């Protein structure tokens, strides 16, 4: 996973509504939840919810599957694991003088 992809995923989760949606979907697990269930549970207007879901799908945080007239949303756990792995890849490896963060 590339730096920019991780940044885009984290940016989408930086929105309070999208974080709430993602947390709800993680709790729902692999079966996911319908758009109606998400809307009812979080009390988000339909047009607003649609916008949030589209943004999350665009960066790969969620998958959407249409079954008849119902849309199911589920977290893309593989994507989530890649984001987490990216953040942990260099854990506890230290850094040299050239890699110090600004202000140190």
Protein backbone atom coordinates (compact mmCIF):
# COMPACT_ATOMS: atom_id res chain seq x y z
CA UNK A 1 0.00 0.00 0.00
CA UNK A 2 1.28 3.45 -0.90
CA UNK A 3 1.63 6.45 1.37
CA UNK A 4 -1.01 8.46 -0.54
CA UNK A 5 -3.54 5.60 -0.37
CA UNK A 6 -3.16 5.32 3.38
CA UNK A 7 -3.42 9.10 3.75
CA UNK A 8 -6.66 9.12 1.71
CA UNK A 9 -8.19 6.35 3.82
CA UNK A 10 -7.26 8.05 7.07
CA UNK A 11 -8.56 11.39 5.77
CA UNK A 12 -11.96 9.85 5.07
CA UNK A 13 -12.05 8.37 8.58
CA UNK A 14 -11.20 11.82 9.93
CA UNK A 15 -14.81 12.86 9.35
CA UNK A 16 -17.06 12.17 12.36
CA UNK A 17 -19.96 10.77 10.31
CA UNK A 18 -17.74 8.52 8.21
CA UNK A 19 -15.94 7.24 11.30
CA UNK A 20 -19.31 6.42 12.90
CA UNK A 21 -20.42 4.63 9.73
CA UNK A 22 -17.19 2.64 9.54
CA UNK A 23 -17.37 1.67 13.21
CA UNK A 24 -20.97 0.52 12.75
CA UNK A 25 -19.94 -1.59 9.75
CA UNK A 26 -17.01 -3.10 11.62
CA UNK A 27 -19.41 -4.07 14.41
CA UNK A 28 -21.74 -5.61 11.81
CA UNK A 29 -18.85 -7.76 10.60
CA UNK A 30 -18.56 -9.58 7.29
CA UNK A 31 -22.29 -9.56 6.43
CA UNK A 32 -22.31 -5.76 6.69
CA UNK A 33 -25.45 -3.67 6.94
CA UNK A 34 -27.97 -2.27 4.52
CA UNK A 35 -27.99 1.42 3.71
CA UNK A 36 -31.37 1.60 5.45
CA UNK A 37 -29.99 0.01 8.61
CA UNK A 38 -27.08 2.43 8.66
CA UNK A 39 -29.39 5.38 8.12
CA UNK A 40 -31.79 4.27 10.84
CA UNK A 41 -29.06 3.49 13.34
CA UNK A 42 -27.08 6.70 12.87
CA UNK A 43 -29.97 8.99 11.90
CA UNK A 44 -28.11 10.43 8.91
CA UNK A 45 -30.23 11.89 6.07
CA UNK A 46 -30.28 9.66 2.97
CA UNK A 47 -28.53 12.12 0.67
CA UNK A 48 -25.81 12.80 3.23
CA UNK A 49 -25.33 9.10 3.90
CA UNK A 50 -25.05 8.38 0.19
CA UNK A 51 -22.29 11.00 -0.09
CA UNK A 52 -20.35 9.54 2.83
CA UNK A 53 -20.66 5.97 1.55
CA UNK A 54 -19.48 6.97 -1.91
CA UNK A 55 -16.38 8.67 -0.49
CA UNK A 56 -15.57 5.65 1.67
CA UNK A 57 -16.03 3.25 -1.24
CA UNK A 58 -13.82 5.41 -3.48
CA UNK A 59 -10.80 4.99 -1.19
CA UNK A 60 -11.50 1.31 -0.57
CA UNK A 61 -12.69 1.41 3.03
CA UNK A 62 -16.01 -0.24 2.24
CA UNK A 63 -17.50 -2.55 -0.33
CA UNK A 64 -21.05 -2.14 -1.62
CA UNK A 65 -23.09 -5.00 -2.99
CA UNK A 66 -26.52 -4.67 -4.53
CA UNK A 67 -28.95 -7.53 -3.97
CA UNK A 68 -32.21 -6.88 -5.75
CA UNK A 69 -33.19 -3.38 -4.57
CA UNK A 70 -31.11 -3.46 -1.39
CA UNK A 71 -27.54 -2.19 -1.08
CA UNK A 72 -25.34 -3.88 1.50
CA UNK A 73 -22.25 -2.11 2.79
CA UNK A 74 -19.42 -3.90 4.50
CA UNK A 75 -15.98 -2.90 5.64
CA UNK A 76 -13.13 -4.03 3.42
CA UNK A 77 -11.17 -5.76 6.16
CA UNK A 78 -8.29 -6.55 3.78
CA UNK A 79 -7.91 -2.81 3.05
CA UNK A 80 -8.14 -1.96 6.75
CA UNK A 81 -5.44 -4.52 7.55
CA UNK A 82 -3.20 -3.01 4.85
CA UNK A 83 -3.62 0.45 6.39
CA UNK A 84 -2.77 -0.90 9.83
CA UNK A 85 0.20 -2.84 8.47
CA UNK A 86 1.49 0.28 6.71
CA UNK A 87 1.36 2.18 10.00
CA UNK A 88 3.13 -0.62 11.86
CA UNK A 89 5.76 -1.52 9.26
CA UNK A 90 8.54 0.53 10.76
CA UNK A 91 7.51 0.24 14.38
CA UNK A 92 10.36 0.60 16.86
CA UNK A 93 13.07 0.81 14.18
CA UNK A 94 14.21 4.23 15.31
CA UNK A 95 15.38 6.86 12.86
CA UNK A 96 18.62 8.51 11.96
CA UNK A 97 19.44 12.20 12.28
CA UNK A 98 18.29 12.96 8.71
CA UNK A 99 14.83 11.49 9.37
CA UNK A 100 14.02 13.48 12.49
CA UNK A 101 10.64 15.13 12.45
CA UNK A 102 10.55 18.93 12.04
CA UNK A 103 11.01 20.86 15.25
CA UNK A 104 13.32 18.39 16.94
